[in-house]
Amino acid sequence: MFDTENVNELGPLLREGNHKAFMQLYDHYVDGLFNFIKKYISNDEVIEDIIHDSFYNLWKYRHNIKQNRSIHGYLYRIVRNEVYKAIRKHVQQKGMLNLYAEKKRGVVEESAHQWVVEGELDEIYGLAIDKLPPQRKRIFRMCREQGLSHKEIAQHLNISPNTVKEHMSLAMRTIKEYLAKDHDLIFAVLILSFLPH
């Protein structure tokens, strides 16, 4: 195992295309990177893909490593970018609202810094919900946070299921429009969560 100074000495060899230096870096960092990524993503297969992609990018862009630059810092920056891309892809596939609602109900696994800084997302989510009229807000929370069906909500509030459906459709439109305006803010929070503490 290398100390930081010896690891950085592998930089010039890596830039020259030395495969042995690359493998030494891989062996030195792979376990630490796995644990680092695990703070944000719980799926081991996704973590392994991120590590693979990160080392691929390290090799592909090895000529960009500056003479006196820390290999450690350069590699972790690549990894943070890959983690960010993986989370952003997941958010786009699931939808921010669905992902957050699942997290609130405990359907999505809870772990420190898994998706975003909790307080920041709570605030954005709360502000979006507060844009709704009282009845629509109540119906939205019953559906998304309590997991009740349209029929159950209709029975509970003594209204028709079609009325519930219409409220949900309008609520989703209002919230999505609000979040669209704050789209950059949401992903800024994601980026901040990957910076070293």
N, C-alpha and C. Protein backbone atom coordinates (compact mmCIF):
# COMPACT_ATOMS: atom_id res chain seq x y z
N MET A 1 0.85 -1.19 0.00
CA MET A 1 0.00 0.00 0.00
C MET A 1 0.88 1.24 0.00
N PHE A 2 0.46 2.27 -0.73
CA PHE A 2 1.26 3.48 -0.89
C PHE A 2 0.78 4.57 0.04
N ASP A 3 1.69 5.48 0.40
CA ASP A 3 1.23 6.70 1.05
C ASP A 3 0.93 7.72 -0.05
N THR A 4 0.41 8.88 0.36
CA THR A 4 -0.05 9.87 -0.63
C THR A 4 1.08 10.32 -1.55
N GLU A 5 2.26 10.52 -0.98
CA GLU A 5 3.39 10.99 -1.79
C GLU A 5 3.76 9.97 -2.87
N ASN A 6 3.81 8.69 -2.49
CA ASN A 6 4.16 7.65 -3.46
C ASN A 6 3.08 7.49 -4.52
N VAL A 7 1.81 7.64 -4.12
CA VAL A 7 0.72 7.57 -5.09
C VAL A 7 0.87 8.66 -6.14
N ASN A 8 1.19 9.87 -5.71
CA ASN A 8 1.34 10.97 -6.64
C ASN A 8 2.52 10.77 -7.58
N GLU A 9 3.51 9.99 -7.14
CA GLU A 9 4.65 9.69 -8.01
C GLU A 9 4.25 8.79 -9.19
N LEU A 10 3.08 8.14 -9.06
CA LEU A 10 2.59 7.30 -10.16
C LEU A 10 1.98 8.15 -11.28
N GLY A 11 1.71 9.42 -10.98
CA GLY A 11 1.09 10.31 -11.97
C GLY A 11 1.85 10.40 -13.28
N PRO A 12 3.16 10.70 -13.25
CA PRO A 12 3.92 10.78 -14.51
C PRO A 12 3.91 9.46 -15.28
N LEU A 13 3.98 8.34 -14.55
CA LEU A 13 3.95 7.03 -15.21
C LEU A 13 2.59 6.78 -15.87
N LEU A 14 1.52 7.19 -15.17
CA LEU A 14 0.17 7.04 -15.71
C LEU A 14 0.01 7.88 -16.97
N ARG A 15 0.49 9.12 -16.95
CA ARG A 15 0.41 9.99 -18.12
C ARG A 15 1.11 9.38 -19.34
N GLU A 16 2.18 8.63 -19.07
CA GLU A 16 2.93 8.00 -20.15
C GLU A 16 2.27 6.71 -20.64
N GLY A 17 1.18 6.30 -19.99
CA GLY A 17 0.48 5.10 -20.43
C GLY A 17 0.97 3.83 -19.77
N ASN A 18 1.59 3.95 -18.59
CA ASN A 18 2.11 2.78 -17.88
C ASN A 18 0.95 2.02 -17.23
N HIS A 19 0.67 0.83 -17.76
CA HIS A 19 -0.46 0.04 -17.28
C HIS A 19 -0.26 -0.44 -15.85
N LYS A 20 0.98 -0.75 -15.49
CA LYS A 20 1.26 -1.21 -14.13
C LYS A 20 0.95 -0.11 -13.11
N ALA A 21 1.30 1.11 -13.42
CA ALA A 21 0.99 2.25 -12.54
C ALA A 21 -0.52 2.40 -12.39
N PHE A 22 -1.23 2.23 -13.50
CA PHE A 22 -2.69 2.32 -13.47
C PHE A 22 -3.28 1.26 -12.53
N MET A 23 -2.79 0.03 -12.63
CA MET A 23 -3.31 -1.05 -11.80
C MET A 23 -2.95 -0.84 -10.32
N GLN A 24 -1.79 -0.25 -10.07
CA GLN A 24 -1.40 0.06 -8.69
C GLN A 24 -2.34 1.11 -8.10
N LEU A 25 -2.70 2.09 -8.91
CA LEU A 25 -3.66 3.11 -8.46
C LEU A 25 -5.02 2.49 -8.19
N TYR A 26 -5.44 1.60 -9.09
CA TYR A 26 -6.72 0.92 -8.92
C TYR A 26 -6.73 0.15 -7.60
N ASP A 27 -5.71 -0.65 -7.36
CA ASP A 27 -5.64 -1.46 -6.13
C ASP A 27 -5.62 -0.57 -4.88
N HIS A 28 -4.96 0.56 -5.00
CA HIS A 28 -4.84 1.47 -3.85
C HIS A 28 -6.18 2.14 -3.51
N TYR A 29 -6.96 2.49 -4.54
CA TYR A 29 -8.15 3.32 -4.32
C TYR A 29 -9.49 2.60 -4.34
N VAL A 30 -9.55 1.38 -4.89
CA VAL A 30 -10.86 0.78 -5.16
C VAL A 30 -11.72 0.62 -3.91
N ASP A 31 -11.15 0.17 -2.80
CA ASP A 31 -11.96 -0.02 -1.58
C ASP A 31 -12.44 1.30 -1.00
N GLY A 32 -11.56 2.28 -0.97
CA GLY A 32 -11.94 3.60 -0.45
C GLY A 32 -13.01 4.26 -1.30
N LEU A 33 -12.93 4.11 -2.61
CA LEU A 33 -13.94 4.69 -3.50
C LEU A 33 -15.28 4.00 -3.30
N PHE A 34 -15.24 2.68 -3.12
CA PHE A 34 -16.50 1.95 -2.89
C PHE A 34 -17.20 2.50 -1.65
N ASN A 35 -16.46 2.68 -0.56
CA ASN A 35 -17.04 3.19 0.68
C ASN A 35 -17.52 4.63 0.53
N PHE A 36 -16.77 5.43 -0.25
CA PHE A 36 -17.16 6.82 -0.50
C PHE A 36 -18.49 6.88 -1.24
N ILE A 37 -18.62 6.10 -2.30
CA ILE A 37 -19.84 6.11 -3.12
C ILE A 37 -21.02 5.54 -2.34
N LYS A 38 -20.74 4.59 -1.45
CA LYS A 38 -21.80 3.93 -0.66
C LYS A 38 -22.56 4.94 0.20
N LYS A 39 -21.94 6.07 0.52
CA LYS A 39 -22.63 7.11 1.29
C LYS A 39 -23.78 7.73 0.50
N TYR A 40 -23.72 7.62 -0.82
CA TYR A 40 -24.72 8.26 -1.68
C TYR A 40 -25.63 7.26 -2.40
N ILE A 41 -25.10 6.09 -2.70
CA ILE A 41 -25.83 5.10 -3.50
C ILE A 41 -25.72 3.75 -2.80
N SER A 42 -26.85 3.07 -2.61
CA SER A 42 -26.84 1.82 -1.86
C SER A 42 -26.70 0.58 -2.74
N ASN A 43 -26.93 0.70 -4.03
CA ASN A 43 -26.88 -0.44 -4.94
C ASN A 43 -25.43 -0.77 -5.30
N ASP A 44 -24.96 -1.97 -4.88
CA ASP A 44 -23.56 -2.34 -5.10
C ASP A 44 -23.20 -2.44 -6.58
N GLU A 45 -24.14 -2.91 -7.41
CA GLU A 45 -23.86 -3.02 -8.84
C GLU A 45 -23.65 -1.65 -9.47
N VAL A 46 -24.46 -0.69 -9.06
CA VAL A 46 -24.32 0.68 -9.56
C VAL A 46 -22.98 1.26 -9.11
N ILE A 47 -22.62 0.98 -7.86
CA ILE A 47 -21.33 1.45 -7.33
C ILE A 47 -20.18 0.89 -8.15
N GLU A 48 -20.23 -0.40 -8.43
CA GLU A 48 -19.16 -1.03 -9.22
C GLU A 48 -19.08 -0.43 -10.62
N ASP A 49 -20.24 -0.13 -11.21
CA ASP A 49 -20.25 0.51 -12.54
C ASP A 49 -19.61 1.89 -12.48
N ILE A 50 -19.91 2.64 -11.41
CA ILE A 50 -19.34 3.98 -11.25
C ILE A 50 -17.83 3.89 -11.10
N ILE A 51 -17.34 2.93 -10.31
CA ILE A 51 -15.90 2.76 -10.14
C ILE A 51 -15.25 2.41 -11.48
N HIS A 52 -15.86 1.48 -12.20
CA HIS A 52 -15.34 1.08 -13.52
C HIS A 52 -15.26 2.29 -14.46
N ASP A 53 -16.37 3.05 -14.53
CA ASP A 53 -16.41 4.22 -15.42
C ASP A 53 -15.41 5.28 -15.00
N SER A 54 -15.22 5.42 -13.70
CA SER A 54 -14.27 6.43 -13.19
C SER A 54 -12.84 6.08 -13.56
N PHE A 55 -12.46 4.82 -13.41
CA PHE A 55 -11.10 4.43 -13.78
C PHE A 55 -10.92 4.43 -15.30
N TYR A 56 -11.98 4.12 -16.02
CA TYR A 56 -11.91 4.23 -17.48
C TYR A 56 -11.61 5.68 -17.88
N ASN A 57 -12.32 6.63 -17.23
CA ASN A 57 -12.10 8.04 -17.53
C ASN A 57 -10.72 8.51 -17.08
N LEU A 58 -10.25 7.97 -15.96
CA LEU A 58 -8.89 8.31 -15.50
C LEU A 58 -7.87 7.90 -16.56
N TRP A 59 -8.03 6.69 -17.10
CA TRP A 59 -7.11 6.22 -18.13
C TRP A 59 -7.27 7.01 -19.43
N LYS A 60 -8.50 7.21 -19.84
CA LYS A 60 -8.78 7.89 -21.12
C LYS A 60 -8.26 9.32 -21.12
N TYR A 61 -8.39 10.01 -19.98
CA TYR A 61 -7.99 11.41 -19.91
C TYR A 61 -6.70 11.60 -19.10
N ARG A 62 -5.86 10.57 -19.06
CA ARG A 62 -4.64 10.63 -18.25
C ARG A 62 -3.70 11.76 -18.69
N HIS A 63 -3.77 12.13 -19.98
CA HIS A 63 -2.89 13.20 -20.48
C HIS A 63 -3.27 14.56 -19.90
N ASN A 64 -4.48 14.67 -19.33
CA ASN A 64 -4.93 15.95 -18.74
C ASN A 64 -4.42 16.15 -17.31
N ILE A 65 -3.81 15.12 -16.74
CA ILE A 65 -3.30 15.24 -15.37
C ILE A 65 -2.08 16.14 -15.39
N LYS A 66 -2.14 17.23 -14.67
CA LYS A 66 -1.03 18.19 -14.67
C LYS A 66 0.13 17.65 -13.84
N GLN A 67 1.29 18.17 -14.12
CA GLN A 67 2.55 17.66 -13.55
C GLN A 67 2.52 17.58 -12.03
N ASN A 68 2.08 18.65 -11.38
CA ASN A 68 2.12 18.68 -9.91
C ASN A 68 0.75 18.47 -9.27
N ARG A 69 -0.17 17.94 -10.03
CA ARG A 69 -1.53 17.77 -9.53
C ARG A 69 -1.67 16.47 -8.74
N SER A 70 -2.48 16.51 -7.67
CA SER A 70 -2.74 15.34 -6.85
C SER A 70 -3.61 14.34 -7.61
N ILE A 71 -3.11 13.10 -7.73
CA ILE A 71 -3.90 12.03 -8.35
C ILE A 71 -5.17 11.78 -7.52
N HIS A 72 -5.02 11.83 -6.21
CA HIS A 72 -6.15 11.60 -5.30
C HIS A 72 -7.29 12.57 -5.61
N GLY A 73 -6.97 13.86 -5.66
CA GLY A 73 -7.99 14.88 -5.92
C GLY A 73 -8.60 14.73 -7.30
N TYR A 74 -7.77 14.43 -8.29
CA TYR A 74 -8.24 14.27 -9.67
C TYR A 74 -9.20 13.09 -9.79
N LEU A 75 -8.84 11.95 -9.17
CA LEU A 75 -9.67 10.75 -9.23
C LEU A 75 -11.00 10.96 -8.51
N TYR A 76 -10.95 11.58 -7.32
CA TYR A 76 -12.19 11.78 -6.57
C TYR A 76 -13.11 12.78 -7.28
N ARG A 77 -12.55 13.71 -8.02
CA ARG A 77 -13.39 14.63 -8.78
C ARG A 77 -14.11 13.86 -9.89
N ILE A 78 -13.40 12.95 -10.55
CA ILE A 78 -14.03 12.10 -11.57
C ILE A 78 -15.16 11.29 -10.95
N VAL A 79 -14.89 10.70 -9.79
CA VAL A 79 -15.89 9.85 -9.12
C VAL A 79 -17.11 10.68 -8.73
N ARG A 80 -16.92 11.86 -8.17
CA ARG A 80 -18.05 12.71 -7.80
C ARG A 80 -18.91 13.03 -9.02
N ASN A 81 -18.26 13.29 -10.16
CA ASN A 81 -19.01 13.56 -11.39
C ASN A 81 -19.83 12.35 -11.82
N GLU A 82 -19.25 11.16 -11.70
CA GLU A 82 -19.96 9.94 -12.09
C GLU A 82 -21.14 9.66 -11.14
N VAL A 83 -20.94 9.90 -9.85
CA VAL A 83 -22.03 9.72 -8.88
C VAL A 83 -23.16 10.70 -9.19
N TYR A 84 -22.79 11.94 -9.45
CA TYR A 84 -23.79 12.96 -9.80
C TYR A 84 -24.58 12.53 -11.03
N LYS A 85 -23.90 12.03 -12.06
CA LYS A 85 -24.58 11.58 -13.27
C LYS A 85 -25.53 10.43 -12.99
N ALA A 86 -25.11 9.50 -12.14
CA ALA A 86 -25.95 8.34 -11.80
C ALA A 86 -27.21 8.77 -11.06
N ILE A 87 -27.05 9.69 -10.11
CA ILE A 87 -28.21 10.17 -9.35
C ILE A 87 -29.13 11.00 -10.24
N ARG A 88 -28.55 11.83 -11.07
CA ARG A 88 -29.37 12.64 -11.96
C ARG A 88 -30.17 11.75 -12.91
N LYS A 89 -29.54 10.70 -13.43
CA LYS A 89 -30.24 9.76 -14.31
C LYS A 89 -31.40 9.10 -13.57
N HIS A 90 -31.15 8.69 -12.32
CA HIS A 90 -32.19 8.04 -11.53
C HIS A 90 -33.35 9.00 -11.26
N VAL A 91 -33.01 10.24 -10.93
CA VAL A 91 -34.05 11.24 -10.66
C VAL A 91 -34.88 11.48 -11.91
N GLN A 92 -34.22 11.55 -13.07
CA GLN A 92 -34.94 11.79 -14.32
C GLN A 92 -35.85 10.60 -14.66
N GLN A 93 -35.39 9.38 -14.37
CA GLN A 93 -36.19 8.20 -14.65
C GLN A 93 -37.39 8.09 -13.71
N LYS A 94 -37.16 8.33 -12.43
CA LYS A 94 -38.22 8.17 -11.43
C LYS A 94 -39.10 9.40 -11.35
N GLY A 95 -38.51 10.56 -11.58
CA GLY A 95 -39.22 11.81 -11.34
C GLY A 95 -38.96 12.26 -9.92
N MET A 96 -38.64 13.53 -9.75
CA MET A 96 -38.29 14.06 -8.42
C MET A 96 -39.43 13.86 -7.43
N LEU A 97 -40.67 14.08 -7.88
CA LEU A 97 -41.80 13.96 -6.96
C LEU A 97 -42.00 12.52 -6.51
N ASN A 98 -41.97 11.57 -7.44
CA ASN A 98 -42.15 10.17 -7.08
C ASN A 98 -41.04 9.69 -6.17
N LEU A 99 -39.81 10.07 -6.50
CA LEU A 99 -38.67 9.65 -5.70
C LEU A 99 -38.79 10.17 -4.27
N TYR A 100 -39.15 11.44 -4.13
CA TYR A 100 -39.24 12.02 -2.80
C TYR A 100 -40.41 11.43 -2.01
N ALA A 101 -41.55 11.23 -2.68
CA ALA A 101 -42.71 10.65 -2.01
C ALA A 101 -42.40 9.24 -1.50
N GLU A 102 -41.68 8.45 -2.32
CA GLU A 102 -41.29 7.11 -1.90
C GLU A 102 -40.35 7.17 -0.70
N LYS A 103 -39.47 8.13 -0.70
CA LYS A 103 -38.55 8.28 0.42
C LYS A 103 -39.31 8.63 1.69
N LYS A 104 -40.29 9.52 1.57
CA LYS A 104 -41.07 9.94 2.74
C LYS A 104 -41.86 8.78 3.33
N ARG A 105 -42.35 7.87 2.45
CA ARG A 105 -43.14 6.73 2.91
C ARG A 105 -42.26 5.56 3.34
N GLY A 106 -40.94 5.67 3.15
CA GLY A 106 -40.04 4.60 3.55
C GLY A 106 -39.90 3.51 2.52
N VAL A 107 -40.40 3.74 1.29
CA VAL A 107 -40.27 2.74 0.23
C VAL A 107 -38.83 2.74 -0.29
N VAL A 108 -38.25 3.92 -0.41
CA VAL A 108 -36.86 4.05 -0.85
C VAL A 108 -35.95 3.97 0.36
N GLU A 109 -34.85 3.25 0.22
CA GLU A 109 -33.91 3.07 1.33
C GLU A 109 -33.38 4.41 1.80
N GLU A 110 -33.24 4.54 3.11
CA GLU A 110 -32.76 5.78 3.72
C GLU A 110 -31.30 5.61 4.08
N SER A 111 -30.43 6.48 3.63
CA SER A 111 -29.04 6.45 4.06
C SER A 111 -28.48 7.85 3.99
N ALA A 112 -27.44 8.08 4.77
CA ALA A 112 -26.87 9.43 4.87
C ALA A 112 -26.45 9.93 3.50
N HIS A 113 -26.96 11.08 3.12
CA HIS A 113 -26.61 11.76 1.88
C HIS A 113 -26.90 10.90 0.65
N GLN A 114 -27.89 10.01 0.74
CA GLN A 114 -28.12 9.09 -0.39
C GLN A 114 -28.48 9.86 -1.65
N TRP A 115 -29.37 10.81 -1.56
CA TRP A 115 -29.73 11.56 -2.77
C TRP A 115 -29.34 13.03 -2.65
N VAL A 116 -29.82 13.70 -1.60
CA VAL A 116 -29.54 15.13 -1.47
C VAL A 116 -29.49 15.47 0.00
N VAL A 117 -29.07 16.68 0.29
CA VAL A 117 -29.09 17.15 1.67
C VAL A 117 -30.55 17.25 2.08
N GLU A 118 -30.93 16.49 3.12
CA GLU A 118 -32.34 16.31 3.49
C GLU A 118 -33.06 17.63 3.73
N GLY A 119 -32.44 18.51 4.46
CA GLY A 119 -33.11 19.77 4.80
C GLY A 119 -33.41 20.62 3.59
N GLU A 120 -32.48 20.65 2.62
CA GLU A 120 -32.69 21.44 1.41
C GLU A 120 -33.87 20.90 0.59
N LEU A 121 -33.92 19.59 0.46
CA LEU A 121 -35.00 18.99 -0.32
C LEU A 121 -36.34 19.14 0.39
N ASP A 122 -36.35 18.98 1.71
CA ASP A 122 -37.57 19.19 2.49
C ASP A 122 -38.13 20.59 2.25
N GLU A 123 -37.23 21.56 2.24
CA GLU A 123 -37.67 22.95 2.07
C GLU A 123 -38.26 23.17 0.68
N ILE A 124 -37.58 22.66 -0.36
CA ILE A 124 -38.08 22.81 -1.73
C ILE A 124 -39.42 22.10 -1.89
N TYR A 125 -39.49 20.88 -1.38
CA TYR A 125 -40.73 20.10 -1.47
C TYR A 125 -41.87 20.82 -0.75
N GLY A 126 -41.61 21.31 0.46
CA GLY A 126 -42.63 22.01 1.24
C GLY A 126 -43.12 23.26 0.55
N LEU A 127 -42.19 24.02 -0.05
CA LEU A 127 -42.58 25.24 -0.77
C LEU A 127 -43.45 24.91 -1.97
N ALA A 128 -43.11 23.81 -2.66
CA ALA A 128 -43.91 23.40 -3.82
C ALA A 128 -45.31 23.02 -3.39
N ILE A 129 -45.44 22.24 -2.32
CA ILE A 129 -46.76 21.80 -1.83
C ILE A 129 -47.57 22.99 -1.35
N ASP A 130 -46.90 23.97 -0.75
CA ASP A 130 -47.62 25.15 -0.22
C ASP A 130 -48.25 26.00 -1.32
N LYS A 131 -47.86 25.76 -2.57
CA LYS A 131 -48.47 26.50 -3.68
C LYS A 131 -49.89 26.00 -3.98
N LEU A 132 -50.24 24.86 -3.41
CA LEU A 132 -51.55 24.25 -3.71
C LEU A 132 -52.64 24.82 -2.81
N PRO A 133 -53.90 24.89 -3.32
CA PRO A 133 -55.04 25.25 -2.46
C PRO A 133 -55.20 24.18 -1.38
N PRO A 134 -55.81 24.52 -0.24
CA PRO A 134 -55.89 23.59 0.91
C PRO A 134 -56.43 22.20 0.59
N GLN A 135 -57.57 22.10 -0.12
CA GLN A 135 -58.14 20.79 -0.43
C GLN A 135 -57.21 19.97 -1.32
N ARG A 136 -56.62 20.63 -2.32
CA ARG A 136 -55.72 19.94 -3.26
C ARG A 136 -54.46 19.47 -2.53
N LYS A 137 -53.97 20.31 -1.63
CA LYS A 137 -52.79 19.95 -0.84
C LYS A 137 -53.08 18.71 0.02
N ARG A 138 -54.25 18.70 0.63
CA ARG A 138 -54.64 17.57 1.48
C ARG A 138 -54.72 16.27 0.66
N ILE A 139 -55.35 16.36 -0.51
CA ILE A 139 -55.50 15.19 -1.37
C ILE A 139 -54.12 14.72 -1.85
N PHE A 140 -53.26 15.65 -2.22
CA PHE A 140 -51.92 15.29 -2.70
C PHE A 140 -51.14 14.56 -1.60
N ARG A 141 -51.17 15.08 -0.39
CA ARG A 141 -50.44 14.45 0.71
C ARG A 141 -51.00 13.06 1.03
N MET A 142 -52.33 12.93 0.99
CA MET A 142 -52.94 11.63 1.26
C MET A 142 -52.50 10.59 0.23
N CYS A 143 -52.41 11.04 -1.02
CA CYS A 143 -52.04 10.13 -2.10
C CYS A 143 -50.55 9.83 -2.10
N ARG A 144 -49.72 10.86 -2.11
CA ARG A 144 -48.29 10.69 -2.30
C ARG A 144 -47.54 10.31 -1.02
N GLU A 145 -47.94 10.85 0.10
CA GLU A 145 -47.19 10.59 1.33
C GLU A 145 -47.79 9.47 2.17
N GLN A 146 -49.13 9.34 2.13
CA GLN A 146 -49.77 8.26 2.89
C GLN A 146 -50.02 7.02 2.04
N GLY A 147 -49.90 7.17 0.72
CA GLY A 147 -50.06 6.04 -0.18
C GLY A 147 -51.49 5.57 -0.38
N LEU A 148 -52.47 6.45 -0.12
CA LEU A 148 -53.88 6.06 -0.29
C LEU A 148 -54.26 6.11 -1.77
N SER A 149 -55.18 5.22 -2.16
CA SER A 149 -55.67 5.21 -3.54
C SER A 149 -56.68 6.34 -3.73
N HIS A 150 -57.00 6.62 -4.99
CA HIS A 150 -58.00 7.66 -5.29
C HIS A 150 -59.34 7.29 -4.67
N LYS A 151 -59.67 6.00 -4.74
CA LYS A 151 -60.95 5.53 -4.18
C LYS A 151 -60.99 5.73 -2.67
N GLU A 152 -59.88 5.41 -1.98
CA GLU A 152 -59.83 5.56 -0.51
C GLU A 152 -59.93 7.03 -0.11
N ILE A 153 -59.26 7.88 -0.87
CA ILE A 153 -59.32 9.33 -0.58
C ILE A 153 -60.74 9.84 -0.81
N ALA A 154 -61.35 9.40 -1.90
CA ALA A 154 -62.73 9.82 -2.20
C ALA A 154 -63.69 9.43 -1.09
N GLN A 155 -63.56 8.21 -0.58
CA GLN A 155 -64.43 7.75 0.52
C GLN A 155 -64.18 8.56 1.78
N HIS A 156 -62.91 8.82 2.06
CA HIS A 156 -62.54 9.54 3.28
C HIS A 156 -63.06 10.99 3.26
N LEU A 157 -63.00 11.62 2.08
CA LEU A 157 -63.40 13.04 1.97
C LEU A 157 -64.82 13.21 1.45
N ASN A 158 -65.50 12.08 1.17
CA ASN A 158 -66.88 12.12 0.68
C ASN A 158 -66.99 12.90 -0.63
N ILE A 159 -66.08 12.60 -1.54
CA ILE A 159 -66.12 13.19 -2.87
C ILE A 159 -65.96 12.04 -3.89
N SER A 160 -66.10 12.33 -5.18
CA SER A 160 -66.00 11.27 -6.19
C SER A 160 -64.53 10.99 -6.52
N PRO A 161 -64.21 9.76 -6.93
CA PRO A 161 -62.84 9.45 -7.36
C PRO A 161 -62.37 10.32 -8.52
N ASN A 162 -63.31 10.71 -9.40
CA ASN A 162 -62.94 11.59 -10.51
C ASN A 162 -62.48 12.97 -10.02
N THR A 163 -63.11 13.44 -8.93
CA THR A 163 -62.71 14.71 -8.34
C THR A 163 -61.30 14.59 -7.76
N VAL A 164 -61.02 13.47 -7.12
CA VAL A 164 -59.67 13.22 -6.58
C VAL A 164 -58.66 13.21 -7.73
N LYS A 165 -59.00 12.51 -8.79
CA LYS A 165 -58.11 12.41 -9.95
C LYS A 165 -57.81 13.79 -10.54
N GLU A 166 -58.85 14.62 -10.65
CA GLU A 166 -58.68 15.96 -11.20
C GLU A 166 -57.79 16.81 -10.29
N HIS A 167 -58.01 16.72 -8.96
CA HIS A 167 -57.17 17.46 -8.01
C HIS A 167 -55.70 17.02 -8.12
N MET A 168 -55.47 15.71 -8.25
CA MET A 168 -54.11 15.20 -8.35
C MET A 168 -53.43 15.68 -9.63
N SER A 169 -54.18 15.67 -10.72
CA SER A 169 -53.63 16.12 -12.00
C SER A 169 -53.23 17.60 -11.93
N LEU A 170 -54.10 18.42 -11.35
CA LEU A 170 -53.80 19.85 -11.21
C LEU A 170 -52.66 20.09 -10.23
N ALA A 171 -52.63 19.29 -9.15
CA ALA A 171 -51.55 19.42 -8.16
C ALA A 171 -50.21 19.09 -8.79
N MET A 172 -50.16 17.99 -9.56
CA MET A 172 -48.91 17.60 -10.21
C MET A 172 -48.42 18.68 -11.17
N ARG A 173 -49.35 19.26 -11.91
CA ARG A 173 -48.97 20.30 -12.86
C ARG A 173 -48.38 21.51 -12.12
N THR A 174 -49.05 21.94 -11.04
CA THR A 174 -48.58 23.09 -10.28
C THR A 174 -47.20 22.83 -9.68
N ILE A 175 -47.02 21.65 -9.09
CA ILE A 175 -45.75 21.32 -8.43
C ILE A 175 -44.63 21.17 -9.44
N LYS A 176 -44.91 20.51 -10.56
CA LYS A 176 -43.88 20.35 -11.60
C LYS A 176 -43.43 21.69 -12.14
N GLU A 177 -44.39 22.60 -12.33
CA GLU A 177 -44.03 23.95 -12.82
C GLU A 177 -43.15 24.66 -11.81
N TYR A 178 -43.49 24.51 -10.53
CA TYR A 178 -42.68 25.14 -9.48
C TYR A 178 -41.27 24.56 -9.46
N LEU A 179 -41.17 23.22 -9.49
CA LEU A 179 -39.87 22.57 -9.45
C LEU A 179 -39.05 22.86 -10.69
N ALA A 180 -39.73 23.02 -11.84
CA ALA A 180 -39.01 23.33 -13.07
C ALA A 180 -38.27 24.66 -12.94
N LYS A 181 -38.90 25.60 -12.25
CA LYS A 181 -38.26 26.91 -12.05
C LYS A 181 -37.05 26.77 -11.15
N ASP A 182 -37.08 25.78 -10.22
CA ASP A 182 -35.99 25.57 -9.27
C ASP A 182 -35.12 24.38 -9.63
N HIS A 183 -35.21 23.95 -10.91
CA HIS A 183 -34.47 22.77 -11.35
C HIS A 183 -32.98 22.91 -11.08
N ASP A 184 -32.41 24.06 -11.41
CA ASP A 184 -30.98 24.26 -11.19
C ASP A 184 -30.64 24.22 -9.71
N LEU A 185 -31.54 24.73 -8.87
CA LEU A 185 -31.31 24.72 -7.43
C LEU A 185 -31.23 23.29 -6.91
N ILE A 186 -32.15 22.42 -7.39
CA ILE A 186 -32.14 21.04 -6.94
C ILE A 186 -30.83 20.37 -7.26
N PHE A 187 -30.33 20.56 -8.48
CA PHE A 187 -29.10 19.88 -8.85
C PHE A 187 -27.87 20.56 -8.26
N ALA A 188 -27.99 21.85 -7.92
CA ALA A 188 -26.91 22.50 -7.19
C ALA A 188 -26.75 21.85 -5.82
N VAL A 189 -27.87 21.52 -5.19
CA VAL A 189 -27.84 20.83 -3.90
C VAL A 189 -27.16 19.47 -4.04
N LEU A 190 -27.48 18.76 -5.13
CA LEU A 190 -26.85 17.46 -5.38
C LEU A 190 -25.33 17.62 -5.48
N ILE A 191 -24.89 18.61 -6.24
CA ILE A 191 -23.45 18.81 -6.41
C ILE A 191 -22.80 19.14 -5.08
N LEU A 192 -23.41 20.03 -4.30
CA LEU A 192 -22.85 20.41 -3.00
C LEU A 192 -22.70 19.21 -2.08
N SER A 193 -23.62 18.25 -2.20
CA SER A 193 -23.57 17.10 -1.30
C SER A 193 -22.39 16.19 -1.61
N PHE A 194 -21.76 16.35 -2.78
CA PHE A 194 -20.62 15.50 -3.14
C PHE A 194 -19.29 16.14 -2.80
N LEU A 195 -19.30 17.39 -2.40
CA LEU A 195 -18.04 18.04 -2.06
C LEU A 195 -17.52 17.51 -0.73
N PRO A 196 -16.21 17.47 -0.56
CA PRO A 196 -15.65 16.95 0.71
C PRO A 196 -16.14 17.78 1.87
N HIS A 197 -16.41 17.11 3.02
CA HIS A 197 -16.90 17.82 4.22
C HIS A 197 -15.73 18.35 5.01
